[in-house]
Amino acid sequence: QVQLVESGGGKVQPGGSLELSCTASGSIQSINHMNWYRQATGKQRELVARITSGSSTMYADSAKGRFTISTNGAKNTVFLQMNSLKPEDTAVYYCNHHQFLPPRDYWGQGTQVTVSS
């Protein structure tokens, strides 16, 4: 089992910045992906950014150039630095830990991000 605890959401004006963090604990495998998803009201959950245990990263087109995903040295905390926020970034953001053996997904509780003037 893996437990994920998120923090860092809130309300910010357009153009502002927020940093989300997610700390994993429990039986963390050495090979995994850590992901940030988001779900806006009335929309499907979508992948925003990913960082692998090998430190490779990928971003949704909507996040490229504005968001940065990173981890701490122990690789048990993942961050999502969000800059130049737009109203369309408003959503509940979920941390996800994907393990491969066996394949399983763990989810954080979600944190609300609201971008509004």
C-alpha atoms as a PDB file:
ATOM      1  CA  GLN A   1       0.000   0.000   0.000  1.00  0.00           C
ATOM      2  CA  VAL A   2       1.056   3.548  -0.769  1.00  0.00           C
ATOM      3  CA  GLN A   3      -0.412   6.602   0.910  1.00  0.00           C
ATOM      4  CA  LEU A   4      -0.369  10.008  -0.765  1.00  0.00           C
ATOM      5  CA  VAL A   5      -0.883  13.317   1.010  1.00  0.00           C
ATOM      6  CA  GLU A   6      -1.277  16.473  -1.048  1.00  0.00           C
ATOM      7  CA  SER A   7      -1.001  20.120  -0.132  1.00  0.00           C
ATOM      8  CA  GLY A   8      -0.674  23.519  -1.720  1.00  0.00           C
ATOM      9  CA  GLY A   9      -3.940  24.256  -3.472  1.00  0.00           C
ATOM     10  CA  GLY A  10      -5.830  27.503  -3.157  1.00  0.00           C
ATOM     11  CA  LYS A  11      -7.137  30.515  -5.000  1.00  0.00           C
ATOM     12  CA  VAL A  12      -4.935  32.682  -7.148  1.00  0.00           C
ATOM     13  CA  GLN A  13      -5.455  35.457  -9.679  1.00  0.00           C
ATOM     14  CA  PRO A  14      -4.824  34.866 -13.380  1.00  0.00           C
ATOM     15  CA  GLY A  15      -1.112  35.072 -14.079  1.00  0.00           C
ATOM     16  CA  GLY A  16      -0.241  33.947 -10.581  1.00  0.00           C
ATOM     17  CA  SER A  17       1.630  30.914  -9.336  1.00  0.00           C
ATOM     18  CA  LEU A  18       1.010  27.991  -7.023  1.00  0.00           C
ATOM     19  CA  GLU A  19       3.053  25.001  -5.996  1.00  0.00           C
ATOM     20  CA  LEU A  20       1.443  21.685  -5.173  1.00  0.00           C
ATOM     21  CA  SER A  21       3.210  18.949  -3.274  1.00  0.00           C
ATOM     22  CA  CYS A  22       2.457  15.289  -2.699  1.00  0.00           C
ATOM     23  CA  THR A  23       4.281  13.060  -0.257  1.00  0.00           C
ATOM     24  CA  ALA A  24       4.175   9.302  -0.676  1.00  0.00           C
ATOM     25  CA  SER A  25       4.671   6.802   2.099  1.00  0.00           C
ATOM     26  CA  GLY A  26       4.363   3.046   2.466  1.00  0.00           C
ATOM     27  CA  SER A  27       5.549   0.324   0.118  1.00  0.00           C
ATOM     28  CA  ILE A  28       7.019   2.418  -2.688  1.00  0.00           C
ATOM     29  CA  GLN A  29       8.616   0.409  -5.466  1.00  0.00           C
ATOM     30  CA  SER A  30      11.846   1.611  -7.003  1.00  0.00           C
ATOM     31  CA  ILE A  31      10.320   1.769 -10.493  1.00  0.00           C
ATOM     32  CA  ASN A  32       7.227   3.917 -10.674  1.00  0.00           C
ATOM     33  CA  HIS A  33       5.593   6.964 -12.146  1.00  0.00           C
ATOM     34  CA  MET A  34       4.386   9.933 -10.163  1.00  0.00           C
ATOM     35  CA  ASN A  35       1.676  11.895 -11.923  1.00  0.00           C
ATOM     36  CA  TRP A  36      -0.470  14.961 -11.453  1.00  0.00           C
ATOM     37  CA  TYR A  37      -3.986  14.779 -12.856  1.00  0.00           C
ATOM     38  CA  ARG A  38      -6.746  17.341 -12.721  1.00  0.00           C
ATOM     39  CA  GLN A  39     -10.481  17.260 -13.054  1.00  0.00           C
ATOM     40  CA  ALA A  40     -12.538  20.333 -13.771  1.00  0.00           C
ATOM     41  CA  THR A  41     -16.239  20.419 -13.025  1.00  0.00           C
ATOM     42  CA  GLY A  42     -18.142  18.466 -15.644  1.00  0.00           C
ATOM     43  CA  LYS A  43     -14.993  17.217 -17.362  1.00  0.00           C
ATOM     44  CA  GLN A  44     -12.986  14.023 -17.368  1.00  0.00           C
ATOM     45  CA  ARG A  45      -9.868  13.667 -15.301  1.00  0.00           C
ATOM     46  CA  GLU A  46      -6.806  14.449 -17.384  1.00  0.00           C
ATOM     47  CA  LEU A  47      -3.096  13.891 -17.009  1.00  0.00           C
ATOM     48  CA  VAL A  48      -1.193  17.131 -16.462  1.00  0.00           C
ATOM     49  CA  ALA A  49       2.385  16.017 -15.830  1.00  0.00           C
ATOM     50  CA  ARG A  50       4.455  12.926 -15.097  1.00  0.00           C
ATOM     51  CA  ILE A  51       7.833  12.193 -13.629  1.00  0.00           C
ATOM     52  CA  THR A  52       9.298   8.725 -13.725  1.00  0.00           C
ATOM     53  CA  SER A  53      11.569   7.095 -11.183  1.00  0.00           C
ATOM     54  CA  GLY A  54      14.301   7.699 -13.769  1.00  0.00           C
ATOM     55  CA  SER A  55      13.478  11.442 -13.634  1.00  0.00           C
ATOM     56  CA  SER A  56      12.038  11.654 -17.128  1.00  0.00           C
ATOM     57  CA  THR A  57       9.204  14.133 -17.402  1.00  0.00           C
ATOM     58  CA  MET A  58       6.276  14.705 -19.702  1.00  0.00           C
ATOM     59  CA  TYR A  59       3.590  17.375 -19.831  1.00  0.00           C
ATOM     60  CA  ALA A  60       0.178  17.840 -21.320  1.00  0.00           C
ATOM     61  CA  ASP A  61       0.177  20.444 -24.064  1.00  0.00           C
ATOM     62  CA  SER A  62      -1.832  22.748 -21.798  1.00  0.00           C
ATOM     63  CA  ALA A  63       0.935  22.605 -19.167  1.00  0.00           C
ATOM     64  CA  LYS A  64       4.045  22.899 -21.330  1.00  0.00           C
ATOM     65  CA  GLY A  65       6.096  25.986 -20.636  1.00  0.00           C
ATOM     66  CA  ARG A  66       4.049  26.907 -17.556  1.00  0.00           C
ATOM     67  CA  PHE A  67       4.168  23.916 -15.198  1.00  0.00           C
ATOM     68  CA  THR A  68       7.180  22.070 -13.836  1.00  0.00           C
ATOM     69  CA  ILE A  69       7.094  18.685 -12.133  1.00  0.00           C
ATOM     70  CA  SER A  70       9.952  17.665  -9.868  1.00  0.00           C
ATOM     71  CA  THR A  71      10.812  15.460  -6.907  1.00  0.00           C
ATOM     72  CA  ASN A  72      12.924  15.763  -3.789  1.00  0.00           C
ATOM     73  CA  GLY A  73      16.171  13.863  -3.344  1.00  0.00           C
ATOM     74  CA  ALA A  74      14.477  10.905  -1.704  1.00  0.00           C
ATOM     75  CA  LYS A  75      11.934  10.824  -4.545  1.00  0.00           C
ATOM     76  CA  ASN A  76       9.065  10.423  -2.106  1.00  0.00           C
ATOM     77  CA  THR A  77       7.686  13.925  -2.628  1.00  0.00           C
ATOM     78  CA  VAL A  78       6.573  15.263  -5.980  1.00  0.00           C
ATOM     79  CA  PHE A  79       6.003  18.938  -6.688  1.00  0.00           C
ATOM     80  CA  LEU A  80       4.035  20.734  -9.353  1.00  0.00           C
ATOM     81  CA  GLN A  81       5.082  24.327  -9.817  1.00  0.00           C
ATOM     82  CA  MET A  82       2.379  26.138 -11.749  1.00  0.00           C
ATOM     83  CA  ASN A  83       3.107  29.549 -13.238  1.00  0.00           C
ATOM     84  CA  SER A  84       1.121  31.885 -15.461  1.00  0.00           C
ATOM     85  CA  LEU A  85      -2.079  30.315 -14.246  1.00  0.00           C
ATOM     86  CA  LYS A  86      -5.234  30.731 -16.293  1.00  0.00           C
ATOM     87  CA  PRO A  87      -8.899  30.423 -15.342  1.00  0.00           C
ATOM     88  CA  GLU A  88      -9.033  27.205 -17.356  1.00  0.00           C
ATOM     89  CA  ASP A  89      -6.509  25.679 -14.949  1.00  0.00           C
ATOM     90  CA  THR A  90      -9.226  25.704 -12.295  1.00  0.00           C
ATOM     91  CA  ALA A  91      -9.765  22.110 -11.180  1.00  0.00           C
ATOM     92  CA  VAL A  92      -9.226  19.601  -8.444  1.00  0.00           C
ATOM     93  CA  TYR A  93      -5.655  18.365  -8.774  1.00  0.00           C
ATOM     94  CA  TYR A  94      -4.867  14.766  -7.859  1.00  0.00           C
ATOM     95  CA  CYS A  95      -1.528  13.178  -7.169  1.00  0.00           C
ATOM     96  CA  ASN A  96      -1.178   9.673  -8.590  1.00  0.00           C
ATOM     97  CA  HIS A  97       1.397   6.984  -7.924  1.00  0.00           C
ATOM     98  CA  HIS A  98       1.564   4.231 -10.531  1.00  0.00           C
ATOM     99  CA  GLN A  99       3.431   1.042  -9.783  1.00  0.00           C
ATOM    100  CA  PHE A 100       4.155  -1.678 -12.318  1.00  0.00           C
ATOM    101  CA  LEU A 101       4.550  -4.919 -10.408  1.00  0.00           C
ATOM    102  CA  PRO A 102       1.705  -5.569 -10.075  1.00  0.00           C
ATOM    103  CA  PRO A 103       0.113  -2.686 -11.954  1.00  0.00           C
ATOM    104  CA  ARG A 104      -1.731  -0.505  -9.484  1.00  0.00           C
ATOM    105  CA  ASP A 105      -2.661   3.124  -9.046  1.00  0.00           C
ATOM    106  CA  TYR A 106      -2.832   5.060  -5.824  1.00  0.00           C
ATOM    107  CA  TRP A 107      -4.496   8.467  -5.524  1.00  0.00           C
ATOM    108  CA  GLY A 108      -4.228  11.435  -3.249  1.00  0.00           C
ATOM    109  CA  GLN A 109      -7.270  13.116  -1.770  1.00  0.00           C
ATOM    110  CA  GLY A 110      -7.230  15.967  -4.277  1.00  0.00           C
ATOM    111  CA  THR A 111      -6.613  19.657  -3.779  1.00  0.00           C
ATOM    112  CA  GLN A 112      -8.656  22.495  -5.243  1.00  0.00           C
ATOM    113  CA  VAL A 113      -6.969  25.072  -7.448  1.00  0.00           C
ATOM    114  CA  THR A 114      -9.065  28.083  -8.386  1.00  0.00           C
ATOM    115  CA  VAL A 115      -7.806  30.728 -10.782  1.00  0.00           C
ATOM    116  CA  SER A 116     -10.059  33.740 -10.679  1.00  0.00           C
ATOM    117  CA  SER A 117      -9.949  37.480 -10.353  1.00  0.00           C
END
